N, C-alpha and C. Protein backbone atom coordinates (compact mmCIF):
# COMPACT_ATOMS: atom_id res chain seq x y z
N MET A 1 3.90 -14.83 8.64
CA MET A 1 2.52 -15.32 8.51
C MET A 1 1.59 -14.40 9.31
N VAL A 2 0.46 -14.12 8.72
CA VAL A 2 -0.52 -13.25 9.36
C VAL A 2 -1.24 -14.06 10.44
N ASP A 3 -1.26 -13.54 11.66
CA ASP A 3 -1.85 -14.31 12.76
C ASP A 3 -3.30 -13.91 13.02
N LYS A 4 -4.03 -13.65 11.97
CA LYS A 4 -5.43 -13.29 12.11
C LYS A 4 -6.28 -14.50 11.70
N PRO A 5 -7.49 -14.60 12.24
CA PRO A 5 -8.35 -15.72 11.85
C PRO A 5 -8.91 -15.52 10.43
N HIS A 6 -9.36 -16.60 9.82
CA HIS A 6 -9.99 -16.50 8.49
C HIS A 6 -11.29 -15.70 8.64
N LEU A 7 -12.05 -16.02 9.69
CA LEU A 7 -13.30 -15.30 9.94
C LEU A 7 -13.34 -14.83 11.38
N ASP A 8 -13.81 -13.60 11.56
CA ASP A 8 -14.04 -13.07 12.90
C ASP A 8 -15.49 -13.40 13.24
N GLU A 9 -15.67 -14.52 13.94
CA GLU A 9 -17.02 -15.03 14.18
C GLU A 9 -17.86 -14.10 15.05
N GLU A 10 -17.20 -13.37 15.96
CA GLU A 10 -17.94 -12.41 16.79
C GLU A 10 -18.51 -11.29 15.93
N ALA A 11 -17.67 -10.75 15.03
CA ALA A 11 -18.12 -9.68 14.13
C ALA A 11 -19.25 -10.19 13.25
N LEU A 12 -19.12 -11.41 12.76
CA LEU A 12 -20.16 -11.99 11.90
C LEU A 12 -21.46 -12.22 12.68
N ALA A 13 -21.34 -12.66 13.93
CA ALA A 13 -22.53 -12.87 14.75
C ALA A 13 -23.26 -11.55 14.99
N GLU A 14 -22.48 -10.48 15.24
CA GLU A 14 -23.08 -9.15 15.42
C GLU A 14 -23.78 -8.70 14.14
N LEU A 15 -23.11 -8.92 13.03
CA LEU A 15 -23.65 -8.55 11.73
C LEU A 15 -24.95 -9.31 11.47
N GLN A 16 -24.95 -10.58 11.82
CA GLN A 16 -26.12 -11.43 11.62
C GLN A 16 -27.29 -10.91 12.47
N ASP A 17 -26.99 -10.48 13.71
CA ASP A 17 -28.03 -9.92 14.59
C ASP A 17 -28.62 -8.66 13.99
N VAL A 18 -27.76 -7.79 13.50
CA VAL A 18 -28.19 -6.50 12.95
C VAL A 18 -28.96 -6.70 11.64
N MET A 19 -28.42 -7.54 10.77
CA MET A 19 -28.98 -7.71 9.43
C MET A 19 -30.18 -8.66 9.38
N GLU A 20 -30.25 -9.57 10.33
CA GLU A 20 -31.30 -10.59 10.40
C GLU A 20 -31.51 -11.27 9.05
N ASP A 21 -32.69 -11.09 8.43
CA ASP A 21 -33.01 -11.78 7.18
C ASP A 21 -32.14 -11.34 6.01
N GLU A 22 -31.55 -10.15 6.11
CA GLU A 22 -30.73 -9.63 5.02
C GLU A 22 -29.31 -10.20 5.04
N PHE A 23 -28.96 -10.91 6.12
CA PHE A 23 -27.58 -11.38 6.31
C PHE A 23 -27.09 -12.23 5.14
N GLU A 24 -27.91 -13.20 4.74
CA GLU A 24 -27.49 -14.09 3.66
C GLU A 24 -27.28 -13.31 2.37
N MET A 25 -28.16 -12.36 2.09
CA MET A 25 -28.02 -11.51 0.90
C MET A 25 -26.72 -10.71 0.97
N LEU A 26 -26.42 -10.20 2.16
CA LEU A 26 -25.18 -9.44 2.36
C LEU A 26 -23.96 -10.30 2.04
N ILE A 27 -23.96 -11.53 2.54
CA ILE A 27 -22.84 -12.45 2.31
C ILE A 27 -22.71 -12.77 0.82
N GLN A 28 -23.85 -13.07 0.17
CA GLN A 28 -23.83 -13.38 -1.26
C GLN A 28 -23.28 -12.20 -2.06
N THR A 29 -23.70 -10.99 -1.71
CA THR A 29 -23.23 -9.77 -2.38
C THR A 29 -21.74 -9.60 -2.17
N TYR A 30 -21.30 -9.81 -0.93
CA TYR A 30 -19.87 -9.70 -0.62
C TYR A 30 -19.05 -10.68 -1.47
N LEU A 31 -19.52 -11.93 -1.57
CA LEU A 31 -18.78 -12.95 -2.33
C LEU A 31 -18.73 -12.59 -3.81
N LYS A 32 -19.85 -12.11 -4.36
CA LYS A 32 -19.91 -11.73 -5.77
C LYS A 32 -18.98 -10.54 -6.03
N ASP A 33 -19.08 -9.52 -5.18
CA ASP A 33 -18.24 -8.33 -5.33
C ASP A 33 -16.76 -8.68 -5.20
N SER A 34 -16.46 -9.58 -4.27
CA SER A 34 -15.07 -9.97 -4.04
C SER A 34 -14.48 -10.66 -5.27
N LYS A 35 -15.27 -11.52 -5.91
CA LYS A 35 -14.79 -12.19 -7.13
C LYS A 35 -14.48 -11.15 -8.19
N GLU A 36 -15.36 -10.17 -8.33
CA GLU A 36 -15.14 -9.09 -9.31
C GLU A 36 -13.89 -8.28 -8.96
N ARG A 37 -13.70 -8.02 -7.67
CA ARG A 37 -12.52 -7.25 -7.25
C ARG A 37 -11.23 -8.01 -7.54
N ILE A 38 -11.24 -9.32 -7.32
CA ILE A 38 -10.06 -10.14 -7.61
C ILE A 38 -9.75 -10.07 -9.11
N GLU A 39 -10.79 -10.14 -9.94
CA GLU A 39 -10.59 -10.02 -11.40
C GLU A 39 -10.03 -8.64 -11.75
N SER A 40 -10.54 -7.59 -11.09
CA SER A 40 -10.06 -6.22 -11.32
C SER A 40 -8.60 -6.09 -10.92
N LEU A 41 -8.23 -6.72 -9.79
CA LEU A 41 -6.83 -6.69 -9.34
C LEU A 41 -5.93 -7.36 -10.38
N LYS A 42 -6.37 -8.50 -10.89
CA LYS A 42 -5.58 -9.22 -11.90
C LYS A 42 -5.41 -8.36 -13.15
N ALA A 43 -6.51 -7.73 -13.59
CA ALA A 43 -6.46 -6.89 -14.79
C ALA A 43 -5.53 -5.70 -14.59
N ALA A 44 -5.63 -5.04 -13.42
CA ALA A 44 -4.79 -3.87 -13.13
C ALA A 44 -3.32 -4.28 -13.07
N MET A 45 -3.04 -5.44 -12.51
CA MET A 45 -1.67 -5.93 -12.43
C MET A 45 -1.13 -6.20 -13.84
N LYS A 46 -1.96 -6.87 -14.65
CA LYS A 46 -1.57 -7.19 -16.02
C LYS A 46 -1.31 -5.92 -16.83
N ASP A 47 -2.15 -4.90 -16.62
CA ASP A 47 -2.01 -3.63 -17.35
C ASP A 47 -0.94 -2.72 -16.76
N GLY A 48 -0.39 -3.13 -15.61
CA GLY A 48 0.62 -2.30 -14.95
C GLY A 48 0.04 -1.01 -14.39
N ASN A 49 -1.25 -1.06 -14.01
CA ASN A 49 -1.93 0.13 -13.49
C ASN A 49 -1.91 0.11 -11.96
N ALA A 50 -0.86 0.68 -11.39
CA ALA A 50 -0.66 0.64 -9.93
C ALA A 50 -1.76 1.40 -9.19
N ASP A 51 -2.22 2.51 -9.76
CA ASP A 51 -3.26 3.32 -9.11
C ASP A 51 -4.56 2.55 -8.97
N THR A 52 -5.02 1.95 -10.07
CA THR A 52 -6.25 1.14 -10.04
C THR A 52 -6.07 -0.05 -9.10
N PHE A 53 -4.91 -0.66 -9.15
CA PHE A 53 -4.61 -1.81 -8.29
C PHE A 53 -4.76 -1.40 -6.82
N ALA A 54 -4.16 -0.27 -6.44
CA ALA A 54 -4.22 0.20 -5.05
C ALA A 54 -5.66 0.53 -4.64
N LYS A 55 -6.39 1.21 -5.52
CA LYS A 55 -7.77 1.60 -5.19
C LYS A 55 -8.68 0.39 -5.05
N THR A 56 -8.52 -0.58 -5.94
CA THR A 56 -9.33 -1.80 -5.87
C THR A 56 -9.00 -2.57 -4.59
N ALA A 57 -7.72 -2.69 -4.28
CA ALA A 57 -7.30 -3.38 -3.06
C ALA A 57 -7.85 -2.67 -1.83
N HIS A 58 -7.87 -1.34 -1.86
CA HIS A 58 -8.37 -0.54 -0.73
C HIS A 58 -9.86 -0.82 -0.50
N SER A 59 -10.67 -0.80 -1.55
CA SER A 59 -12.10 -1.03 -1.37
C SER A 59 -12.38 -2.49 -0.97
N PHE A 60 -11.58 -3.42 -1.51
CA PHE A 60 -11.70 -4.83 -1.15
C PHE A 60 -11.37 -5.01 0.33
N LYS A 61 -10.32 -4.34 0.78
CA LYS A 61 -9.90 -4.41 2.19
C LYS A 61 -11.06 -3.98 3.09
N GLY A 62 -11.69 -2.87 2.75
CA GLY A 62 -12.81 -2.36 3.55
C GLY A 62 -13.94 -3.35 3.66
N SER A 63 -14.31 -3.96 2.55
CA SER A 63 -15.43 -4.91 2.60
C SER A 63 -15.05 -6.17 3.38
N CYS A 64 -13.79 -6.58 3.32
CA CYS A 64 -13.33 -7.76 4.09
C CYS A 64 -13.41 -7.48 5.59
N ILE A 65 -13.00 -6.28 5.98
CA ILE A 65 -13.03 -5.91 7.39
C ILE A 65 -14.49 -5.82 7.87
N ASN A 66 -15.35 -5.23 7.04
CA ASN A 66 -16.77 -5.11 7.40
C ASN A 66 -17.45 -6.45 7.56
N ILE A 67 -17.08 -7.41 6.72
CA ILE A 67 -17.75 -8.71 6.73
C ILE A 67 -17.15 -9.64 7.79
N GLY A 68 -15.98 -9.28 8.31
CA GLY A 68 -15.36 -10.12 9.35
C GLY A 68 -14.37 -11.11 8.78
N ALA A 69 -13.58 -10.69 7.78
CA ALA A 69 -12.53 -11.54 7.20
C ALA A 69 -11.19 -10.83 7.37
N PRO A 70 -10.67 -10.79 8.63
CA PRO A 70 -9.49 -9.98 8.92
C PRO A 70 -8.22 -10.41 8.20
N ARG A 71 -8.01 -11.70 7.99
CA ARG A 71 -6.78 -12.15 7.32
C ARG A 71 -6.80 -11.70 5.86
N LEU A 72 -7.97 -11.84 5.21
CA LEU A 72 -8.11 -11.39 3.83
C LEU A 72 -7.94 -9.87 3.75
N GLY A 73 -8.47 -9.17 4.74
CA GLY A 73 -8.31 -7.72 4.81
C GLY A 73 -6.84 -7.32 4.90
N ALA A 74 -6.08 -8.06 5.70
CA ALA A 74 -4.65 -7.77 5.87
C ALA A 74 -3.89 -8.00 4.55
N LEU A 75 -4.28 -9.05 3.82
CA LEU A 75 -3.65 -9.32 2.53
C LEU A 75 -3.98 -8.22 1.53
N CYS A 76 -5.22 -7.73 1.57
CA CYS A 76 -5.62 -6.64 0.68
C CYS A 76 -4.84 -5.37 1.02
N ARG A 77 -4.57 -5.16 2.29
CA ARG A 77 -3.77 -4.01 2.72
C ARG A 77 -2.37 -4.08 2.11
N LYS A 78 -1.82 -5.30 2.12
CA LYS A 78 -0.50 -5.53 1.54
C LYS A 78 -0.51 -5.21 0.03
N ALA A 79 -1.58 -5.65 -0.64
CA ALA A 79 -1.73 -5.38 -2.08
C ALA A 79 -1.89 -3.88 -2.32
N GLU A 80 -2.68 -3.23 -1.46
CA GLU A 80 -2.89 -1.78 -1.58
C GLU A 80 -1.56 -1.04 -1.49
N LYS A 81 -0.75 -1.43 -0.52
CA LYS A 81 0.55 -0.79 -0.30
C LYS A 81 1.47 -0.99 -1.52
N ALA A 82 1.45 -2.19 -2.08
CA ALA A 82 2.26 -2.47 -3.28
C ALA A 82 1.84 -1.55 -4.43
N GLY A 83 0.53 -1.35 -4.57
CA GLY A 83 0.03 -0.46 -5.61
C GLY A 83 0.40 0.99 -5.36
N GLN A 84 0.24 1.42 -4.11
CA GLN A 84 0.56 2.81 -3.75
C GLN A 84 2.04 3.12 -3.99
N GLU A 85 2.88 2.13 -3.72
CA GLU A 85 4.32 2.34 -3.86
C GLU A 85 4.81 1.95 -5.26
N GLU A 86 3.84 1.67 -6.16
CA GLU A 86 4.15 1.28 -7.53
C GLU A 86 5.12 0.11 -7.60
N ARG A 87 4.87 -0.87 -6.75
CA ARG A 87 5.68 -2.09 -6.72
C ARG A 87 4.83 -3.26 -7.21
N LEU A 88 4.28 -3.14 -8.40
CA LEU A 88 3.42 -4.21 -8.91
C LEU A 88 4.19 -5.51 -9.13
N SER A 89 5.51 -5.41 -9.18
CA SER A 89 6.32 -6.64 -9.30
C SER A 89 6.15 -7.50 -8.04
N ASP A 90 5.75 -6.87 -6.92
CA ASP A 90 5.51 -7.62 -5.67
C ASP A 90 4.08 -8.17 -5.60
N ALA A 91 3.24 -7.78 -6.55
CA ALA A 91 1.82 -8.11 -6.48
C ALA A 91 1.46 -9.57 -6.74
N PRO A 92 2.11 -10.27 -7.70
CA PRO A 92 1.64 -11.63 -8.00
C PRO A 92 1.53 -12.58 -6.79
N PRO A 93 2.56 -12.68 -5.92
CA PRO A 93 2.38 -13.60 -4.79
C PRO A 93 1.28 -13.15 -3.82
N VAL A 94 1.10 -11.84 -3.69
CA VAL A 94 0.04 -11.32 -2.81
C VAL A 94 -1.32 -11.68 -3.39
N LEU A 95 -1.45 -11.56 -4.69
CA LEU A 95 -2.70 -11.90 -5.37
C LEU A 95 -3.02 -13.39 -5.23
N VAL A 96 -1.99 -14.22 -5.34
CA VAL A 96 -2.17 -15.67 -5.15
C VAL A 96 -2.66 -15.93 -3.72
N ALA A 97 -2.06 -15.25 -2.74
CA ALA A 97 -2.47 -15.41 -1.34
C ALA A 97 -3.90 -14.91 -1.13
N ILE A 98 -4.26 -13.80 -1.78
CA ILE A 98 -5.62 -13.26 -1.67
C ILE A 98 -6.63 -14.27 -2.23
N GLU A 99 -6.31 -14.84 -3.39
CA GLU A 99 -7.23 -15.82 -3.98
C GLU A 99 -7.40 -17.06 -3.09
N ALA A 100 -6.29 -17.54 -2.55
CA ALA A 100 -6.33 -18.73 -1.68
C ALA A 100 -7.14 -18.43 -0.42
N GLU A 101 -6.89 -17.27 0.17
CA GLU A 101 -7.61 -16.89 1.39
C GLU A 101 -9.09 -16.66 1.10
N PHE A 102 -9.39 -16.07 -0.05
CA PHE A 102 -10.79 -15.85 -0.42
C PHE A 102 -11.53 -17.18 -0.54
N GLN A 103 -10.85 -18.21 -1.07
CA GLN A 103 -11.47 -19.54 -1.15
C GLN A 103 -11.79 -20.07 0.25
N ARG A 104 -10.86 -19.87 1.19
CA ARG A 104 -11.08 -20.32 2.57
C ARG A 104 -12.25 -19.57 3.19
N VAL A 105 -12.27 -18.26 2.99
CA VAL A 105 -13.34 -17.42 3.55
C VAL A 105 -14.69 -17.82 2.95
N THR A 106 -14.71 -18.06 1.64
CA THR A 106 -15.94 -18.48 0.96
C THR A 106 -16.47 -19.77 1.58
N GLY A 107 -15.58 -20.74 1.73
CA GLY A 107 -15.96 -22.02 2.33
C GLY A 107 -16.48 -21.85 3.74
N ALA A 108 -15.79 -21.04 4.52
CA ALA A 108 -16.19 -20.82 5.91
C ALA A 108 -17.54 -20.10 6.00
N LEU A 109 -17.77 -19.14 5.11
CA LEU A 109 -19.05 -18.42 5.11
C LEU A 109 -20.19 -19.34 4.69
N HIS A 110 -19.95 -20.20 3.71
CA HIS A 110 -20.98 -21.16 3.29
C HIS A 110 -21.32 -22.11 4.43
N THR A 111 -20.29 -22.58 5.15
CA THR A 111 -20.49 -23.46 6.29
C THR A 111 -21.30 -22.75 7.36
N LEU A 112 -20.92 -21.50 7.63
CA LEU A 112 -21.61 -20.69 8.63
C LEU A 112 -23.08 -20.51 8.27
N MET A 113 -23.36 -20.20 7.02
CA MET A 113 -24.75 -19.98 6.60
C MET A 113 -25.55 -21.26 6.62
N ALA A 114 -24.92 -22.37 6.26
CA ALA A 114 -25.62 -23.66 6.28
C ALA A 114 -25.98 -24.06 7.70
N GLY A 115 -25.06 -23.77 8.63
CA GLY A 115 -25.29 -24.12 10.03
C GLY A 115 -26.16 -23.10 10.75
N GLY A 116 -26.10 -21.86 10.31
CA GLY A 116 -26.78 -20.79 11.03
C GLY A 116 -28.22 -20.58 10.62
N ALA A 117 -28.72 -21.34 9.65
CA ALA A 117 -30.09 -21.13 9.17
C ALA A 117 -31.08 -21.99 9.96
N GLY A 118 -31.04 -21.88 11.28
CA GLY A 118 -31.95 -22.73 12.05
C GLY A 118 -32.62 -22.00 13.05
């Protein structure tokens, strides 16, 4: 089990300070992009395209780390490695874990934004 938090609240607080009014837009963009990346990962897995799978997982990992979602980032790293090593047979459970973790992160970010708008 990955012992990282769902959200790195310190990183998010710093991001919120830097971004100020743009913070909510940044979060919304991250969530939208992440949904698209998950769909791209599914498509690449279905097509057996390990290269696209690895590249998509790599860019997803970067955005997760930037936004302060370390556990999701770690799962994306695992997916990236599976793609790089052409082990797409290992991808389905990782993708399920990524989707589940993304739901948790989405919920946590919505809670954070609802509470932080004061």
